[in-house]
Structures are given as structure tokens and as C-alpha cells.
Amino acid sequence: MNRSEFEALRSLPDKQITADIRFELKQATSPNLTFEDVPVENALQYEVILNGTFKPDLPSVTFNFVLRGVGPICRVCVNGALHSGAGRTHKHDLRRESDPRNNLPEAFARPDLADLSVREVWEILLKQANIVHTGAFHLPDTQL
């Protein structure tokens, strides 16, 4: 996927997530809560899935969009690991065709997402990505 294809997908209206988003405690990720492989339906028929991690000890949240067979194409991190020049609240997205193979190396500051609840971050992410979520969202409205 190249940048123009990524932008076309991001701008595409009527993307939909019908599954419930349920952050769950799993032994392999404890104490972090995660969800995996949530499909993002889209008219371009790209096989996009969404994964998420909530780290209650920090607290921080990450939403990671992945194109199957290619790799991550967009990741939003709130109160996550410090990235030089982008801080702890930032976004990674596909800039170059090689970025998914390199785990989206560039981060861009997103201070507008700092100090919001997980649910508020989720709602902003949906709006900015033109995604409608018809399922439930299960996580306490914890302030980050």
C-alpha cells in the first residue's frame, strides 16, 4: 500500500465496525487489557483489522489498524512510549510503501488526544477515520 492508497482508504466514507470492542485481560498480556482482529468493513474490500491495548498502570491506550498481508497502516498511541519530537501522545501512519514492514517508524504529535478518556479517544478516532461503530465498547471511561 502506498500513501495515496492509504489516504483513499482513510477518507473513504461509510467504513464500519460491527463487532463489539471488548478490552480483555489475557494471561499473555497481563496486566494489560487487549482486543484483537476486529474487522473494519470498507467498500474497497481491503482486509483491515483493528487491535487495541489498554495499559491501566500508566494508563495508556493504543489503537492499531493493520492491513492483512501488509502490516500496520495507522496507529494512535495516547500516553504511550515517548517518541522523540512527538511525545507520548502521537499517531503513526503510512508515509512510504516500506512503512508497514518497518512498523510505521515516524510519529506525529497528537496533543489534542492527551488527557481524554479512552472512550473519548475512540470517538475522535472514529470520526476522523470516517468509521461507524455499531457494536458495543467495553472499557471503563478511565481518564488517561
N, C-alpha and C. Protein backbone atom coordinates (compact mmCIF):
# COMPACT_ATOMS: atom_id res chain seq x y z
N MET A 1 0.86 -1.18 0.00
CA MET A 1 0.00 0.00 0.00
C MET A 1 0.90 1.23 0.00
N ASN A 2 0.55 2.21 -0.83
CA ASN A 2 1.30 3.45 -0.85
C ASN A 2 0.49 4.55 -0.14
N ARG A 3 1.07 5.73 -0.04
CA ARG A 3 0.43 6.83 0.70
C ARG A 3 -0.91 7.22 0.08
N SER A 4 -1.00 7.31 -1.23
CA SER A 4 -2.27 7.73 -1.85
C SER A 4 -3.36 6.68 -1.62
N GLU A 5 -3.01 5.40 -1.65
CA GLU A 5 -3.99 4.34 -1.35
C GLU A 5 -4.43 4.41 0.11
N PHE A 6 -3.48 4.68 1.01
CA PHE A 6 -3.80 4.84 2.42
C PHE A 6 -4.76 6.01 2.62
N GLU A 7 -4.47 7.16 1.99
CA GLU A 7 -5.33 8.33 2.13
C GLU A 7 -6.72 8.07 1.57
N ALA A 8 -6.79 7.33 0.46
CA ALA A 8 -8.09 6.99 -0.12
C ALA A 8 -8.90 6.12 0.84
N LEU A 9 -8.24 5.16 1.48
CA LEU A 9 -8.92 4.31 2.46
C LEU A 9 -9.34 5.12 3.67
N ARG A 10 -8.46 5.95 4.20
CA ARG A 10 -8.77 6.77 5.37
C ARG A 10 -9.94 7.70 5.09
N SER A 11 -9.98 8.29 3.91
CA SER A 11 -11.03 9.25 3.56
C SER A 11 -12.33 8.60 3.11
N LEU A 12 -12.29 7.33 2.82
CA LEU A 12 -13.46 6.61 2.33
C LEU A 12 -14.60 6.71 3.34
N PRO A 13 -15.79 7.16 2.89
CA PRO A 13 -16.91 7.21 3.83
C PRO A 13 -17.49 5.82 4.08
N ASP A 14 -18.28 5.73 5.13
CA ASP A 14 -19.08 4.54 5.42
C ASP A 14 -18.28 3.30 5.77
N LYS A 15 -17.08 3.47 6.28
CA LYS A 15 -16.39 2.30 6.84
C LYS A 15 -17.16 1.92 8.10
N GLN A 16 -17.11 0.65 8.44
CA GLN A 16 -17.94 0.21 9.57
C GLN A 16 -17.24 -0.87 10.37
N ILE A 17 -17.43 -0.78 11.69
CA ILE A 17 -17.03 -1.84 12.62
C ILE A 17 -18.32 -2.30 13.29
N THR A 18 -18.69 -3.56 13.05
CA THR A 18 -19.93 -4.08 13.63
C THR A 18 -19.67 -4.88 14.91
N ALA A 19 -18.45 -5.32 15.10
CA ALA A 19 -18.12 -6.14 16.28
C ALA A 19 -18.04 -5.28 17.53
N ASP A 20 -18.25 -5.93 18.67
CA ASP A 20 -18.03 -5.26 19.94
C ASP A 20 -16.53 -5.06 20.15
N ILE A 21 -16.19 -3.94 20.75
CA ILE A 21 -14.81 -3.69 21.18
C ILE A 21 -14.78 -4.02 22.66
N ARG A 22 -14.04 -5.07 23.00
CA ARG A 22 -14.02 -5.55 24.38
C ARG A 22 -12.56 -5.74 24.81
N PHE A 23 -12.05 -4.77 25.56
CA PHE A 23 -10.71 -4.91 26.11
C PHE A 23 -10.77 -5.99 27.19
N GLU A 24 -9.93 -7.01 27.06
CA GLU A 24 -9.97 -8.14 28.00
C GLU A 24 -8.58 -8.43 28.55
N LEU A 25 -8.57 -8.94 29.75
CA LEU A 25 -7.33 -9.36 30.39
C LEU A 25 -6.99 -10.76 29.90
N LYS A 26 -5.82 -10.91 29.32
CA LYS A 26 -5.35 -12.21 28.85
C LYS A 26 -4.03 -12.51 29.53
N GLN A 27 -3.80 -13.74 29.86
CA GLN A 27 -2.60 -14.10 30.60
C GLN A 27 -1.34 -13.63 29.87
N ALA A 28 -1.31 -13.75 28.56
CA ALA A 28 -0.11 -13.39 27.80
C ALA A 28 0.18 -11.89 27.83
N THR A 29 -0.84 -11.06 28.08
CA THR A 29 -0.63 -9.61 28.05
C THR A 29 -0.85 -8.95 29.41
N SER A 30 -1.11 -9.72 30.44
CA SER A 30 -1.40 -9.20 31.77
C SER A 30 -0.25 -8.30 32.24
N PRO A 31 -0.52 -7.17 32.85
CA PRO A 31 -1.81 -6.65 33.32
C PRO A 31 -2.56 -5.83 32.27
N ASN A 32 -2.05 -5.81 31.05
CA ASN A 32 -2.68 -5.02 30.00
C ASN A 32 -3.95 -5.69 29.50
N LEU A 33 -4.91 -4.86 29.09
CA LEU A 33 -6.16 -5.33 28.50
C LEU A 33 -6.04 -5.14 26.99
N THR A 34 -6.49 -6.14 26.22
CA THR A 34 -6.34 -6.06 24.77
C THR A 34 -7.59 -6.54 24.05
N PHE A 35 -7.69 -6.17 22.78
CA PHE A 35 -8.61 -6.81 21.84
C PHE A 35 -7.85 -6.97 20.54
N GLU A 36 -8.27 -7.96 19.73
CA GLU A 36 -7.54 -8.26 18.50
C GLU A 36 -8.48 -8.62 17.37
N ASP A 37 -7.99 -8.38 16.15
CA ASP A 37 -8.62 -8.86 14.92
C ASP A 37 -10.07 -8.41 14.73
N VAL A 38 -10.35 -7.16 15.05
CA VAL A 38 -11.69 -6.61 14.81
C VAL A 38 -11.73 -6.09 13.38
N PRO A 39 -12.60 -6.65 12.54
CA PRO A 39 -12.65 -6.23 11.13
C PRO A 39 -13.18 -4.82 10.95
N VAL A 40 -12.58 -4.10 10.01
CA VAL A 40 -13.06 -2.79 9.59
C VAL A 40 -13.58 -2.95 8.17
N GLU A 41 -14.90 -2.98 8.02
CA GLU A 41 -15.51 -3.18 6.72
C GLU A 41 -15.36 -1.90 5.89
N ASN A 42 -15.07 -2.08 4.60
CA ASN A 42 -14.90 -0.93 3.73
C ASN A 42 -15.23 -1.30 2.29
N ALA A 43 -15.68 -0.31 1.52
CA ALA A 43 -16.12 -0.54 0.15
C ALA A 43 -14.98 -0.93 -0.78
N LEU A 44 -13.75 -0.63 -0.41
CA LEU A 44 -12.59 -1.01 -1.24
C LEU A 44 -12.19 -2.46 -1.03
N GLN A 45 -12.83 -3.12 -0.07
CA GLN A 45 -12.59 -4.53 0.23
C GLN A 45 -11.18 -4.82 0.73
N TYR A 46 -10.51 -3.80 1.28
CA TYR A 46 -9.23 -4.05 1.95
C TYR A 46 -9.51 -4.85 3.22
N GLU A 47 -8.66 -5.79 3.53
CA GLU A 47 -8.82 -6.59 4.74
C GLU A 47 -8.09 -5.89 5.89
N VAL A 48 -8.80 -4.93 6.49
CA VAL A 48 -8.26 -4.13 7.59
C VAL A 48 -8.80 -4.67 8.90
N ILE A 49 -7.90 -4.83 9.86
CA ILE A 49 -8.32 -5.23 11.20
C ILE A 49 -7.80 -4.21 12.21
N LEU A 50 -8.45 -4.17 13.34
CA LEU A 50 -8.08 -3.26 14.41
C LEU A 50 -7.72 -4.06 15.65
N ASN A 51 -6.60 -3.66 16.27
CA ASN A 51 -6.16 -4.23 17.55
C ASN A 51 -6.04 -3.08 18.54
N GLY A 52 -6.18 -3.37 19.81
CA GLY A 52 -6.05 -2.33 20.82
C GLY A 52 -5.43 -2.85 22.09
N THR A 53 -4.76 -1.94 22.81
CA THR A 53 -4.15 -2.26 24.10
C THR A 53 -4.42 -1.13 25.07
N PHE A 54 -4.88 -1.47 26.26
CA PHE A 54 -5.04 -0.52 27.34
C PHE A 54 -4.13 -0.95 28.47
N LYS A 55 -3.25 -0.05 28.89
CA LYS A 55 -2.32 -0.33 29.99
C LYS A 55 -2.77 0.46 31.21
N PRO A 56 -3.50 -0.19 32.12
CA PRO A 56 -4.09 0.54 33.25
C PRO A 56 -3.06 1.11 34.21
N ASP A 57 -1.86 0.54 34.27
CA ASP A 57 -0.85 1.02 35.20
C ASP A 57 -0.31 2.40 34.84
N LEU A 58 -0.40 2.79 33.56
CA LEU A 58 0.18 4.08 33.15
C LEU A 58 -0.78 5.25 33.38
N PRO A 59 -1.97 5.29 32.95
CA PRO A 59 -2.65 4.49 31.94
C PRO A 59 -2.33 5.00 30.52
N SER A 60 -2.45 4.08 29.55
CA SER A 60 -2.27 4.43 28.14
C SER A 60 -3.16 3.54 27.29
N VAL A 61 -3.42 4.00 26.06
CA VAL A 61 -4.21 3.21 25.13
C VAL A 61 -3.59 3.33 23.74
N THR A 62 -3.66 2.24 23.00
CA THR A 62 -3.18 2.19 21.62
C THR A 62 -4.24 1.54 20.75
N PHE A 63 -4.53 2.16 19.62
CA PHE A 63 -5.39 1.58 18.60
C PHE A 63 -4.53 1.40 17.36
N ASN A 64 -4.46 0.17 16.84
CA ASN A 64 -3.55 -0.16 15.74
C ASN A 64 -4.35 -0.79 14.59
N PHE A 65 -4.37 -0.08 13.44
CA PHE A 65 -5.04 -0.58 12.24
C PHE A 65 -4.01 -1.31 11.39
N VAL A 66 -4.35 -2.54 10.98
CA VAL A 66 -3.43 -3.40 10.23
C VAL A 66 -4.10 -3.87 8.95
N LEU A 67 -3.37 -3.79 7.85
CA LEU A 67 -3.83 -4.35 6.59
C LEU A 67 -3.23 -5.74 6.48
N ARG A 68 -4.10 -6.76 6.51
CA ARG A 68 -3.61 -8.15 6.48
C ARG A 68 -2.71 -8.37 5.27
N GLY A 69 -1.60 -9.05 5.52
CA GLY A 69 -0.65 -9.35 4.47
C GLY A 69 0.32 -8.22 4.19
N VAL A 70 0.07 -7.05 4.76
CA VAL A 70 0.94 -5.89 4.53
C VAL A 70 1.59 -5.44 5.83
N GLY A 71 0.76 -5.22 6.88
CA GLY A 71 1.26 -4.77 8.18
C GLY A 71 0.48 -3.57 8.67
N PRO A 72 0.97 -2.94 9.74
CA PRO A 72 0.26 -1.79 10.31
C PRO A 72 0.24 -0.62 9.33
N ILE A 73 -0.91 0.07 9.28
CA ILE A 73 -1.02 1.23 8.39
C ILE A 73 -1.35 2.51 9.17
N CYS A 74 -1.82 2.38 10.40
CA CYS A 74 -2.09 3.55 11.24
C CYS A 74 -2.18 3.10 12.70
N ARG A 75 -1.53 3.87 13.57
CA ARG A 75 -1.56 3.55 15.00
C ARG A 75 -1.64 4.85 15.77
N VAL A 76 -2.57 4.90 16.73
CA VAL A 76 -2.70 6.05 17.61
C VAL A 76 -2.32 5.59 19.01
N CYS A 77 -1.40 6.32 19.62
CA CYS A 77 -0.89 5.99 20.96
C CYS A 77 -1.14 7.19 21.87
N VAL A 78 -1.83 6.97 22.97
CA VAL A 78 -2.11 8.03 23.94
C VAL A 78 -1.44 7.65 25.26
N ASN A 79 -0.53 8.51 25.69
CA ASN A 79 0.27 8.29 26.90
C ASN A 79 1.13 7.04 26.80
N GLY A 80 1.59 6.74 25.60
CA GLY A 80 2.42 5.56 25.37
C GLY A 80 3.89 5.87 25.51
N ALA A 81 4.70 5.08 24.82
CA ALA A 81 6.15 5.26 24.86
C ALA A 81 6.52 6.61 24.27
N LEU A 82 7.51 7.24 24.84
CA LEU A 82 7.98 8.54 24.39
C LEU A 82 8.64 8.40 23.02
N HIS A 83 8.22 9.24 22.09
CA HIS A 83 8.83 9.30 20.76
C HIS A 83 9.44 10.68 20.59
N SER A 84 10.69 10.72 20.25
CA SER A 84 11.40 11.97 20.07
C SER A 84 10.65 12.88 19.11
N GLY A 85 10.37 14.08 19.54
CA GLY A 85 9.69 15.06 18.71
C GLY A 85 8.18 14.91 18.67
N ALA A 86 7.66 13.79 19.12
CA ALA A 86 6.21 13.57 19.07
C ALA A 86 5.60 13.34 20.44
N GLY A 87 6.43 13.17 21.45
CA GLY A 87 5.93 12.97 22.81
C GLY A 87 5.29 11.61 23.03
N ARG A 88 4.51 11.51 24.10
CA ARG A 88 3.88 10.24 24.46
C ARG A 88 2.51 10.04 23.81
N THR A 89 1.91 11.12 23.31
CA THR A 89 0.62 11.02 22.64
C THR A 89 0.83 11.41 21.19
N HIS A 90 0.70 10.41 20.31
CA HIS A 90 1.09 10.61 18.92
C HIS A 90 0.38 9.63 17.99
N LYS A 91 0.58 9.85 16.71
CA LYS A 91 0.00 8.99 15.68
C LYS A 91 1.10 8.57 14.72
N HIS A 92 1.05 7.30 14.34
CA HIS A 92 1.91 6.76 13.29
C HIS A 92 0.98 6.47 12.12
N ASP A 93 1.39 6.83 10.90
CA ASP A 93 0.62 6.38 9.74
C ASP A 93 1.54 6.14 8.57
N LEU A 94 1.00 5.50 7.58
CA LEU A 94 1.78 5.10 6.43
C LEU A 94 2.18 6.34 5.63
N ARG A 95 3.47 6.53 5.47
CA ARG A 95 4.02 7.62 4.67
C ARG A 95 4.70 7.08 3.42
N ARG A 96 5.40 5.97 3.59
CA ARG A 96 6.13 5.33 2.49
C ARG A 96 5.69 3.88 2.39
N GLU A 97 5.81 3.33 1.21
CA GLU A 97 5.38 1.95 0.98
C GLU A 97 6.06 0.96 1.92
N SER A 98 7.27 1.28 2.37
CA SER A 98 8.01 0.38 3.26
C SER A 98 7.60 0.51 4.73
N ASP A 99 6.81 1.50 5.08
CA ASP A 99 6.47 1.75 6.49
C ASP A 99 5.80 0.57 7.20
N PRO A 100 4.85 -0.14 6.58
CA PRO A 100 4.26 -1.28 7.30
C PRO A 100 5.31 -2.34 7.69
N ARG A 101 6.27 -2.58 6.83
CA ARG A 101 7.33 -3.55 7.15
C ARG A 101 8.21 -3.05 8.29
N ASN A 102 8.29 -1.73 8.44
CA ASN A 102 9.14 -1.12 9.47
C ASN A 102 8.34 -0.64 10.67
N ASN A 103 7.12 -1.15 10.84
CA ASN A 103 6.25 -0.84 11.99
C ASN A 103 5.95 0.66 12.12
N LEU A 104 5.71 1.31 10.99
CA LEU A 104 5.34 2.73 10.97
C LEU A 104 6.32 3.57 11.79
N PRO A 105 7.53 3.77 11.30
CA PRO A 105 8.59 4.36 12.10
C PRO A 105 8.40 5.82 12.51
N GLU A 106 7.66 6.62 11.74
CA GLU A 106 7.53 8.04 12.08
C GLU A 106 6.30 8.28 12.94
N ALA A 107 6.49 9.13 13.96
CA ALA A 107 5.38 9.50 14.84
C ALA A 107 5.15 11.00 14.75
N PHE A 108 3.89 11.40 14.84
CA PHE A 108 3.50 12.80 14.77
C PHE A 108 2.67 13.13 16.00
N ALA A 109 3.02 14.21 16.67
CA ALA A 109 2.37 14.58 17.93
C ALA A 109 0.86 14.75 17.75
N ARG A 110 0.11 14.26 18.73
CA ARG A 110 -1.35 14.43 18.78
C ARG A 110 -1.75 14.93 20.17
N PRO A 111 -1.31 16.13 20.56
CA PRO A 111 -1.62 16.63 21.90
C PRO A 111 -3.12 16.80 22.14
N ASP A 112 -3.92 16.88 21.07
CA ASP A 112 -5.37 17.02 21.23
C ASP A 112 -6.01 15.79 21.87
N LEU A 113 -5.29 14.66 21.89
CA LEU A 113 -5.84 13.43 22.47
C LEU A 113 -5.40 13.21 23.92
N ALA A 114 -4.45 13.99 24.38
CA ALA A 114 -3.96 13.83 25.76
C ALA A 114 -5.06 14.20 26.75
N ASP A 115 -5.06 13.54 27.87
CA ASP A 115 -5.99 13.82 28.98
C ASP A 115 -7.45 13.54 28.66
N LEU A 116 -7.71 12.75 27.64
CA LEU A 116 -9.07 12.33 27.34
C LEU A 116 -9.30 10.92 27.85
N SER A 117 -10.55 10.55 28.01
CA SER A 117 -10.86 9.17 28.39
C SER A 117 -10.63 8.26 27.18
N VAL A 118 -10.53 6.98 27.43
CA VAL A 118 -10.37 6.01 26.35
C VAL A 118 -11.56 6.12 25.38
N ARG A 119 -12.74 6.25 25.92
CA ARG A 119 -13.93 6.37 25.08
C ARG A 119 -13.88 7.65 24.22
N GLU A 120 -13.42 8.74 24.79
CA GLU A 120 -13.32 9.99 24.02
C GLU A 120 -12.30 9.85 22.89
N VAL A 121 -11.18 9.22 23.16
CA VAL A 121 -10.18 8.97 22.11
C VAL A 121 -10.80 8.12 21.02
N TRP A 122 -11.52 7.08 21.41
CA TRP A 122 -12.18 6.18 20.46
C TRP A 122 -13.15 6.96 19.56
N GLU A 123 -13.97 7.80 20.15
CA GLU A 123 -14.96 8.57 19.38
C GLU A 123 -14.28 9.52 18.39
N ILE A 124 -13.21 10.17 18.79
CA ILE A 124 -12.47 11.07 17.89
C ILE A 124 -11.84 10.27 16.76
N LEU A 125 -11.25 9.14 17.09
CA LEU A 125 -10.63 8.29 16.07
C LEU A 125 -11.66 7.85 15.03
N LEU A 126 -12.83 7.43 15.48
CA LEU A 126 -13.89 7.01 14.56
C LEU A 126 -14.28 8.15 13.62
N LYS A 127 -14.48 9.32 14.19
CA LYS A 127 -14.91 10.47 13.39
C LYS A 127 -13.85 10.84 12.36
N GLN A 128 -12.59 10.89 12.77
CA GLN A 128 -11.52 11.31 11.87
C GLN A 128 -11.25 10.28 10.78
N ALA A 129 -11.57 9.02 11.04
CA ALA A 129 -11.33 7.96 10.05
C ALA A 129 -12.59 7.58 9.27
N ASN A 130 -13.70 8.30 9.50
CA ASN A 130 -14.96 8.01 8.81
C ASN A 130 -15.44 6.59 9.05
N ILE A 131 -15.38 6.16 10.31
CA ILE A 131 -15.81 4.81 10.68
C ILE A 131 -17.04 4.92 11.58
N VAL A 132 -18.04 4.10 11.28
CA VAL A 132 -19.22 3.99 12.14
C VAL A 132 -19.07 2.69 12.92
N HIS A 133 -19.21 2.79 14.25
CA HIS A 133 -19.13 1.60 15.10
C HIS A 133 -20.53 1.28 15.60
N THR A 134 -21.06 0.13 15.19
CA THR A 134 -22.42 -0.26 15.60
C THR A 134 -22.43 -1.25 16.75
N GLY A 135 -21.26 -1.74 17.15
CA GLY A 135 -21.18 -2.66 18.28
C GLY A 135 -21.03 -1.89 19.58
N ALA A 136 -20.81 -2.62 20.65
CA ALA A 136 -20.61 -2.03 21.97
C ALA A 136 -19.12 -1.75 22.19
N PHE A 137 -18.85 -0.86 23.14
CA PHE A 137 -17.48 -0.51 23.50
C PHE A 137 -17.34 -0.77 25.00
N HIS A 138 -16.51 -1.76 25.36
CA HIS A 138 -16.41 -2.19 26.76
C HIS A 138 -15.05 -1.83 27.36
N LEU A 139 -15.04 -0.78 28.11
CA LEU A 139 -13.89 -0.37 28.93
C LEU A 139 -14.37 0.78 29.79
N PRO A 140 -14.01 0.76 31.06
CA PRO A 140 -14.43 1.90 31.90
C PRO A 140 -13.90 3.19 31.30
N ASP A 141 -14.67 4.26 31.47
CA ASP A 141 -14.23 5.57 30.96
C ASP A 141 -13.12 6.12 31.84
N THR A 142 -11.99 5.48 31.74
CA THR A 142 -10.82 5.84 32.52
C THR A 142 -10.13 7.03 31.88
N GLN A 143 -9.81 8.03 32.69
CA GLN A 143 -9.03 9.14 32.17
C GLN A 143 -7.61 8.66 31.96
N LEU A 144 -7.03 9.07 30.87
CA LEU A 144 -5.63 8.69 30.58
C LEU A 144 -4.67 9.65 31.22
